[in-house]
Amino acid sequence: MSPDRYPIEDASRLRAIFDAPRALTVGLEEEVMLLDPDSLELAPLAEDVLGALPDDGRFKLELPASQIEIITPPCPGVTDAIEVLAAGRAQLVEAAAERVLPACAGVHPFSASEGELNADTRGRVELVAEYGAAARRQLVCALQVHVAIGEAEATIAVYDALRSYLPELAALAANAPFYEGADTGLASVRPKIAEALPRQGIPPAFGSLDRLAAVLRFGRATGSFPSPGKWWWELRPNVRFGTLELRVPDAQTTIEDAAAVAAVAHCLIAWLLERHRSGEKLPTHDRWQIEENRWRACRRALEGELIDLETGATRPARERLEDLLEALGPVAGSLGCAAELELAHELIRAGGGAGRQRLAAGGGGGGARAVTHWLAERFDAPSRLSG
């Protein structure tokens, strides 16, 4: 029975869930916008497109009617997961034919802020009844990265420490500066849209399986989040798959950028796990501290500064991320994703997705429409990772 459908009564049930997966397998979920070929507006044709795709579990509807999600199974590493994702992108382009153009970014650069929702999405009626217009504004796209630890107690320890790195991942993956036709001044407006719903942003620390079980019991008993799937923080222990699910990255324009972000996420979790296994007590920072960096990542991403939560010193975000990638280098070698980690260095040097979108807007003075056309062109661009 799905964990969404039975009470999680104590830590023993959670322990079984998080002990079960193979360690350090990785899976991806990519939310893709569907665009009208002529107007480049969001096209609410997801059900039609889904009907032309293989019914093999790799494609599904999401809340917006203009969005398809590509899903990979648990894979041994990022290279394998990206191969599946790239194949999914290619199949989506073929299935879309002349009906729609797929594209990836955190938000559509100029479509209206509210849009049509899929009629048969699970929980749609409840969401609209509870949140009204806020639900109809969730026209946002993420790249969700699942990584299994395979040890329940270690999962909680790594989760608690990983919270502190969410702003670094957000800065690397920021890819939504344009919204409703204008440059918002933010590197990513997606987190601010998401905040219209509850349980967003930096999640609480748990410290133990018992505490996680108590929180989930509270959610069920009060009706606040009767299903763990309504725990919408930017990181969550996923009780359906027994993984850590990173929800902070914006959807990435190209498959190479998706590979870069996924590799950093995978290596970061493996690095924290390695430190935990060696006996190191991983730091757990207060939410308010991490949220200071979250705002900085949202506002300026790679062009700004981030705070060292241990010392309080501020440094350019690029430098902090480059130092982090250097620390992750040996882990990337052991996980077989050194090429993907090198793409993360390139993404940093290029100013990330937000920087690239602004360059696309400036070329020829095309603004948000030019950005949208550029996003669609880059969706199935050839990757140096293929072959």
Protein backbone atom coordinates (compact mmCIF):
# COMPACT_ATOMS: atom_id res chain seq x y z
CA MET A 1 0.00 0.00 0.00
CA SER A 2 1.23 3.50 -0.83
CA PRO A 3 2.57 5.49 2.15
CA ASP A 4 0.12 8.21 1.12
CA ARG A 5 -2.75 5.88 2.10
CA TYR A 6 -1.90 4.50 5.50
CA PRO A 7 -1.11 6.17 8.82
CA ILE A 8 2.61 6.47 9.54
CA GLU A 9 2.25 5.55 13.19
CA ASP A 10 5.84 5.35 14.35
CA ALA A 11 9.47 5.45 13.30
CA SER A 12 9.60 1.71 12.57
CA ARG A 13 7.48 2.13 9.45
CA LEU A 14 9.61 5.04 8.27
CA ARG A 15 12.76 3.05 8.96
CA ALA A 16 11.58 0.27 6.66
CA ILE A 17 10.79 2.79 3.91
CA PHE A 18 14.14 4.60 4.03
CA ASP A 19 16.24 1.48 4.57
CA ALA A 20 14.81 -0.15 1.44
CA PRO A 21 16.32 1.64 -1.61
CA ARG A 22 19.72 0.93 -3.09
CA ALA A 23 22.17 3.53 -1.81
CA LEU A 24 22.89 6.59 -3.95
CA THR A 25 20.55 5.74 -6.80
CA VAL A 26 19.22 8.88 -8.45
CA GLY A 27 15.97 9.74 -10.22
CA LEU A 28 14.78 12.90 -11.93
CA GLU A 29 11.43 14.59 -12.48
CA GLU A 30 11.41 17.40 -15.03
CA GLU A 31 8.41 19.70 -15.48
CA VAL A 32 8.13 20.93 -19.07
CA MET A 33 6.08 23.85 -20.42
CA LEU A 34 4.00 23.37 -23.58
CA LEU A 35 3.89 26.42 -25.86
CA ASP A 36 1.64 27.42 -28.73
CA PRO A 37 3.88 27.36 -31.87
CA ASP A 38 2.55 30.69 -33.14
CA SER A 39 1.94 32.85 -30.10
CA LEU A 40 4.48 31.09 -27.81
CA GLU A 41 1.91 31.42 -25.02
CA LEU A 42 1.32 28.49 -22.67
CA ALA A 43 -0.85 25.91 -24.45
CA PRO A 44 -3.24 23.90 -22.22
CA LEU A 45 -2.88 20.72 -24.30
CA ALA A 46 -1.09 18.40 -21.90
CA GLU A 47 -3.79 15.71 -22.02
CA ASP A 48 -3.67 15.59 -25.83
CA VAL A 49 0.12 15.37 -25.87
CA LEU A 50 0.16 12.73 -23.14
CA GLY A 51 -2.15 10.59 -25.26
CA ALA A 52 0.50 10.53 -28.00
CA LEU A 53 3.28 9.44 -25.62
CA PRO A 54 4.16 5.90 -24.51
CA ASP A 55 2.18 4.73 -21.48
CA ASP A 56 5.27 3.46 -19.68
CA GLY A 57 5.40 5.65 -16.57
CA ARG A 58 7.93 8.15 -17.95
CA PHE A 59 5.38 10.88 -18.67
CA LYS A 60 2.55 12.24 -16.56
CA LEU A 61 0.26 15.19 -16.10
CA GLU A 62 0.99 17.84 -13.52
CA LEU A 63 -1.32 20.49 -12.08
CA PRO A 64 -1.10 23.01 -14.98
CA ALA A 65 -2.83 21.95 -18.21
CA SER A 66 0.16 23.37 -20.09
CA GLN A 67 2.72 21.09 -18.46
CA ILE A 68 4.04 17.54 -18.92
CA GLU A 69 6.40 15.87 -16.45
CA ILE A 70 9.20 13.58 -17.62
CA ILE A 71 10.18 10.99 -15.00
CA THR A 72 13.18 8.71 -14.86
CA PRO A 73 13.31 5.50 -12.83
CA PRO A 74 15.92 5.14 -10.07
CA CYS A 75 19.25 4.98 -11.91
CA PRO A 76 22.76 3.98 -10.77
CA GLY A 77 24.06 7.47 -11.47
CA VAL A 78 23.45 10.84 -13.06
CA THR A 79 24.79 9.78 -16.45
CA ASP A 80 22.16 7.06 -16.73
CA ALA A 81 19.37 9.31 -15.45
CA ILE A 82 20.27 12.05 -17.94
CA GLU A 83 20.25 9.56 -20.80
CA VAL A 84 16.69 8.59 -19.86
CA LEU A 85 15.72 12.25 -19.50
CA ALA A 86 17.23 13.16 -22.89
CA ALA A 87 15.35 10.31 -24.53
CA GLY A 88 12.17 11.54 -22.85
CA ARG A 89 12.74 15.04 -24.21
CA ALA A 90 13.23 13.65 -27.72
CA GLN A 91 10.03 11.60 -27.49
CA LEU A 92 8.11 14.60 -26.19
CA VAL A 93 9.27 16.70 -29.15
CA GLU A 94 8.15 13.96 -31.53
CA ALA A 95 4.77 13.51 -29.83
CA ALA A 96 4.17 17.26 -29.72
CA ALA A 97 4.68 17.41 -33.50
CA GLU A 98 3.21 20.70 -34.74
CA ARG A 99 0.73 21.04 -31.87
CA VAL A 100 3.02 22.50 -29.22
CA LEU A 101 6.64 23.43 -28.56
CA PRO A 102 8.18 22.06 -25.34
CA ALA A 103 10.45 24.36 -23.33
CA CYS A 104 12.03 24.41 -19.88
CA ALA A 105 12.48 27.28 -17.42
CA GLY A 106 11.28 28.05 -13.94
CA VAL A 107 8.31 30.04 -15.31
CA HIS A 108 6.98 31.17 -18.69
CA PRO A 109 8.52 34.56 -19.49
CA PHE A 110 5.33 36.38 -20.59
CA SER A 111 2.13 34.31 -20.25
CA ALA A 112 -0.58 35.39 -17.81
CA SER A 113 -0.01 34.58 -14.15
CA GLU A 114 -3.10 32.36 -13.91
CA GLY A 115 -3.82 29.42 -16.17
CA GLU A 116 -5.96 26.39 -16.83
CA LEU A 117 -5.45 23.31 -14.67
CA ASN A 118 -5.66 19.68 -15.71
CA ALA A 119 -9.11 18.25 -15.05
CA ASP A 120 -7.95 14.83 -13.87
CA THR A 121 -4.86 15.75 -11.87
CA ARG A 122 -4.99 14.08 -8.45
CA GLY A 123 -6.23 16.53 -5.85
CA ARG A 124 -6.93 19.37 -8.32
CA VAL A 125 -10.46 19.97 -7.04
CA GLU A 126 -9.25 20.01 -3.43
CA LEU A 127 -6.38 22.36 -4.24
CA VAL A 128 -8.58 24.85 -6.03
CA ALA A 129 -11.23 24.68 -3.31
CA GLU A 130 -8.62 25.31 -0.62
CA TYR A 131 -6.27 27.77 -2.32
CA GLY A 132 -8.32 29.32 -5.14
CA ALA A 133 -6.35 31.66 -7.40
CA ALA A 134 -3.09 30.71 -5.67
CA ALA A 135 -3.46 27.19 -7.12
CA ARG A 136 -4.15 28.55 -10.61
CA ARG A 137 -0.94 30.60 -10.36
CA GLN A 138 1.28 27.57 -9.85
CA LEU A 139 2.42 27.61 -13.48
CA VAL A 140 5.95 26.85 -12.32
CA CYS A 141 8.43 24.22 -13.45
CA ALA A 142 11.06 22.46 -11.37
CA LEU A 143 13.77 19.88 -11.83
CA GLN A 144 13.27 17.53 -8.89
CA VAL A 145 16.19 15.31 -7.94
CA HIS A 146 15.64 12.15 -5.87
CA VAL A 147 18.62 10.49 -4.20
CA ALA A 148 18.37 7.39 -2.02
CA ILE A 149 20.56 6.98 1.04
CA GLY A 150 19.48 3.42 1.88
CA GLU A 151 19.92 3.94 5.63
CA ALA A 152 17.06 5.52 7.55
CA GLU A 153 19.01 7.26 10.32
CA ALA A 154 21.61 8.49 7.85
CA THR A 155 18.81 9.83 5.66
CA ILE A 156 17.67 12.12 8.48
CA ALA A 157 21.22 13.25 9.29
CA VAL A 158 21.96 14.08 5.65
CA TYR A 159 18.57 15.75 5.22
CA ASP A 160 19.15 18.04 8.22
CA ALA A 161 22.57 19.11 6.89
CA LEU A 162 21.46 19.38 3.25
CA ARG A 163 18.98 22.10 4.19
CA SER A 164 21.89 24.52 4.57
CA TYR A 165 22.96 23.99 0.94
CA LEU A 166 19.55 24.66 -0.62
CA PRO A 167 20.45 28.31 -1.38
CA GLU A 168 23.65 27.24 -3.17
CA LEU A 169 21.63 24.84 -5.32
CA ALA A 170 19.00 27.52 -5.90
CA ALA A 171 21.67 29.99 -7.02
CA LEU A 172 23.19 27.47 -9.42
CA ALA A 173 19.79 26.52 -10.88
CA ALA A 174 18.06 29.94 -10.92
CA ASN A 175 16.34 30.12 -14.31
CA ALA A 176 13.28 32.39 -14.06
CA PRO A 177 14.07 36.12 -14.24
CA PHE A 178 11.17 37.05 -16.58
CA TYR A 179 7.49 36.91 -15.62
CA GLU A 180 4.38 38.37 -17.26
CA GLY A 181 6.55 39.99 -19.91
CA ALA A 182 8.98 41.85 -17.66
CA ASP A 183 12.33 41.29 -16.01
CA THR A 184 11.42 40.87 -12.35
CA GLY A 185 14.84 41.88 -11.08
CA LEU A 186 15.05 38.43 -9.49
CA ALA A 187 17.22 35.57 -10.69
CA SER A 188 14.21 33.32 -10.09
CA VAL A 189 10.66 34.44 -9.41
CA ARG A 190 9.48 30.83 -9.00
CA PRO A 191 10.03 30.66 -5.21
CA LYS A 192 7.92 33.79 -4.70
CA ILE A 193 5.04 32.31 -6.73
CA ALA A 194 5.29 29.04 -4.82
CA GLU A 195 5.04 30.92 -1.51
CA ALA A 196 1.35 31.55 -2.21
CA LEU A 197 0.88 27.97 -1.01
CA PRO A 198 1.85 26.73 2.48
CA ARG A 199 4.87 24.62 3.43
CA GLN A 200 7.29 26.25 1.00
CA GLY A 201 10.92 27.25 1.22
CA ILE A 202 13.40 25.94 3.78
CA PRO A 203 12.01 22.90 5.65
CA PRO A 204 12.36 22.26 9.36
CA ALA A 205 15.08 20.00 10.73
CA PHE A 206 13.98 16.73 12.33
CA GLY A 207 16.91 15.19 14.16
CA SER A 208 15.28 11.75 14.28
CA LEU A 209 12.82 9.41 12.65
CA ASP A 210 10.59 9.76 15.70
CA ARG A 211 10.32 13.50 15.10
CA LEU A 212 9.52 13.01 11.40
CA ALA A 213 6.81 10.49 12.31
CA ALA A 214 5.33 12.95 14.83
CA VAL A 215 5.23 15.74 12.23
CA LEU A 216 3.48 13.52 9.69
CA ARG A 217 0.99 12.36 12.35
CA PHE A 218 0.25 16.00 13.14
CA GLY A 219 -0.36 16.76 9.47
CA ARG A 220 -2.75 13.86 9.10
CA ALA A 221 -4.59 14.48 12.39
CA THR A 222 -5.14 18.17 11.73
CA GLY A 223 -5.84 17.82 8.02
CA SER A 224 -3.06 20.33 7.29
CA PHE A 225 -1.19 17.85 5.11
CA PRO A 226 -3.01 14.51 5.35
CA SER A 227 -0.78 13.17 2.57
CA PRO A 228 3.02 13.49 2.79
CA GLY A 229 2.80 14.59 -0.84
CA LYS A 230 1.50 17.95 0.39
CA TRP A 231 4.79 18.59 2.20
CA TRP A 232 5.89 21.12 -0.44
CA TRP A 233 9.17 22.36 1.03
CA GLU A 234 12.23 22.73 -1.21
CA LEU A 235 13.58 19.51 0.29
CA ARG A 236 11.66 16.60 1.76
CA PRO A 237 12.18 13.01 2.84
CA ASN A 238 9.94 11.31 0.29
CA VAL A 239 8.05 8.54 2.09
CA ARG A 240 6.73 7.12 -1.15
CA PHE A 241 10.15 6.34 -2.62
CA GLY A 242 12.39 6.35 0.45
CA THR A 243 14.53 9.13 -1.03
CA LEU A 244 15.64 12.65 -0.31
CA GLU A 245 13.77 14.79 -2.83
CA LEU A 246 15.36 18.10 -3.79
CA ARG A 247 12.65 20.42 -5.11
CA VAL A 248 14.65 23.65 -5.10
CA PRO A 249 16.09 23.71 -8.68
CA ASP A 250 14.24 25.52 -11.45
CA ALA A 251 13.66 23.45 -14.58
CA GLN A 252 16.76 23.77 -16.75
CA THR A 253 16.70 25.02 -20.33
CA THR A 254 19.09 22.43 -21.80
CA ILE A 255 19.83 18.81 -21.02
CA GLU A 256 23.42 19.80 -20.23
CA ASP A 257 22.28 22.30 -17.59
CA ALA A 258 19.94 19.66 -16.13
CA ALA A 259 22.89 17.27 -15.98
CA ALA A 260 25.02 19.88 -14.23
CA VAL A 261 22.44 20.59 -11.54
CA ALA A 262 21.65 16.90 -11.01
CA ALA A 263 25.34 16.06 -10.67
CA VAL A 264 25.90 18.72 -8.02
CA ALA A 265 22.86 17.50 -6.09
CA HIS A 266 23.91 13.85 -6.30
CA CYS A 267 27.53 14.54 -5.35
CA LEU A 268 26.52 16.85 -2.50
CA ILE A 269 24.34 14.17 -0.91
CA ALA A 270 27.02 11.52 -1.38
CA TRP A 271 29.61 13.86 0.16
CA LEU A 272 27.45 14.54 3.20
CA LEU A 273 26.74 10.83 3.57
CA GLU A 274 30.45 10.03 3.41
CA ARG A 275 31.15 12.56 6.15
CA HIS A 276 28.32 11.17 8.29
CA ARG A 277 29.60 7.62 7.89
CA SER A 278 33.08 8.73 8.95
CA GLY A 279 31.64 9.83 12.29
CA GLU A 280 31.48 13.57 11.64
CA LYS A 281 28.54 15.36 13.23
CA LEU A 282 27.02 17.27 10.34
CA PRO A 283 25.95 20.83 11.18
CA THR A 284 22.25 21.68 11.37
CA HIS A 285 21.57 25.38 10.97
CA ASP A 286 18.50 27.33 12.00
CA ARG A 287 15.89 27.92 9.37
CA TRP A 288 16.10 31.71 9.68
CA GLN A 289 19.82 31.61 8.90
CA ILE A 290 19.33 29.51 5.78
CA GLU A 291 16.44 31.73 4.70
CA GLU A 292 18.78 34.73 4.60
CA ASN A 293 20.79 32.91 1.94
CA ARG A 294 17.61 31.72 0.24
CA TRP A 295 16.58 35.31 -0.41
CA ARG A 296 20.04 36.17 -1.72
CA ALA A 297 19.90 33.21 -4.12
CA CYS A 298 16.42 34.22 -5.28
CA ARG A 299 17.41 37.85 -5.79
CA ARG A 300 20.82 37.72 -7.46
CA ALA A 301 21.85 34.04 -7.56
CA LEU A 302 25.36 33.79 -9.04
CA GLU A 303 25.71 37.57 -9.29
CA GLY A 304 25.28 38.10 -5.54
CA GLU A 305 26.82 37.02 -2.26
CA LEU A 306 26.04 34.17 0.12
CA ILE A 307 26.70 33.93 3.85
CA ASP A 308 28.97 31.31 5.39
CA LEU A 309 26.56 30.03 8.03
CA GLU A 310 29.42 28.90 10.27
CA THR A 311 31.41 32.17 10.34
CA GLY A 312 28.89 34.79 9.23
CA ALA A 313 31.27 36.00 6.52
CA THR A 314 29.84 36.87 3.10
CA ARG A 315 31.47 35.85 -0.16
CA PRO A 316 30.54 36.02 -3.83
CA ALA A 317 28.15 33.20 -4.64
CA ARG A 318 30.32 32.11 -7.57
CA GLU A 319 33.30 31.63 -5.25
CA ARG A 320 31.29 29.65 -2.72
CA LEU A 321 29.93 27.40 -5.42
CA GLU A 322 33.30 26.91 -7.08
CA ASP A 323 34.79 25.93 -3.73
CA LEU A 324 31.92 23.51 -3.17
CA LEU A 325 32.42 21.95 -6.60
CA GLU A 326 36.12 21.51 -5.86
CA ALA A 327 35.23 19.65 -2.67
CA LEU A 328 32.81 17.47 -4.63
CA GLY A 329 35.34 16.63 -7.35
CA PRO A 330 36.60 13.36 -5.81
CA VAL A 331 33.02 12.26 -5.14
CA ALA A 332 32.08 12.97 -8.76
CA GLY A 333 34.95 10.75 -9.85
CA SER A 334 33.74 7.86 -7.72
CA LEU A 335 30.13 8.34 -8.89
CA GLY A 336 31.13 8.54 -12.54
CA CYS A 337 29.79 12.05 -13.18
CA ALA A 338 32.96 14.13 -13.52
CA ALA A 339 31.87 15.33 -16.98
CA GLU A 340 28.53 16.49 -15.61
CA LEU A 341 30.24 18.29 -12.71
CA GLU A 342 32.44 20.11 -15.22
CA LEU A 343 29.26 21.35 -16.88
CA ALA A 344 28.34 22.89 -13.51
CA HIS A 345 31.58 24.90 -13.64
CA GLU A 346 30.54 26.09 -17.11
CA LEU A 347 27.07 27.01 -15.87
CA ILE A 348 28.59 29.13 -13.11
CA ARG A 349 30.94 30.90 -15.52
CA ALA A 350 27.99 31.64 -17.86
CA GLY A 351 25.93 33.26 -15.09
CA GLY A 352 23.46 30.39 -14.86
CA GLY A 353 20.12 30.13 -16.59
CA ALA A 354 19.06 33.59 -15.43
CA GLY A 355 22.15 35.16 -16.99
CA ARG A 356 21.63 33.27 -20.23
CA GLN A 357 17.97 34.33 -20.43
CA ARG A 358 18.91 37.98 -19.99
CA LEU A 359 21.46 37.68 -22.77
CA ALA A 360 18.79 36.13 -25.00
CA ALA A 361 16.43 39.01 -24.18
CA GLY A 362 19.03 41.64 -25.00
CA GLY A 363 20.02 40.21 -28.35
CA GLY A 364 18.01 42.17 -30.91
CA GLY A 365 15.91 43.79 -28.19
CA GLY A 366 13.32 41.04 -28.33
CA GLY A 367 12.62 40.96 -24.60
CA ALA A 368 10.56 38.21 -22.99
CA ARG A 369 9.19 36.89 -26.29
CA ALA A 370 12.72 36.45 -27.64
CA VAL A 371 13.61 34.59 -24.45
CA THR A 372 10.65 32.24 -24.91
CA HIS A 373 11.65 31.48 -28.50
CA TRP A 374 15.21 30.83 -27.34
CA LEU A 375 13.98 28.46 -24.61
CA ALA A 376 12.01 26.41 -27.15
CA GLU A 377 14.99 26.24 -29.50
CA ARG A 378 17.29 24.98 -26.74
CA PHE A 379 14.95 22.25 -25.44
CA ASP A 380 16.27 19.53 -27.74
CA ALA A 381 19.68 21.05 -28.48
CA PRO A 382 22.42 18.43 -29.01
CA SER A 383 24.34 17.51 -25.87
CA ARG A 384 28.05 16.82 -25.55
CA LEU A 385 27.11 14.07 -23.11
CA SER A 386 25.48 11.90 -25.78
CA GLY A 387 27.44 8.92 -27.03
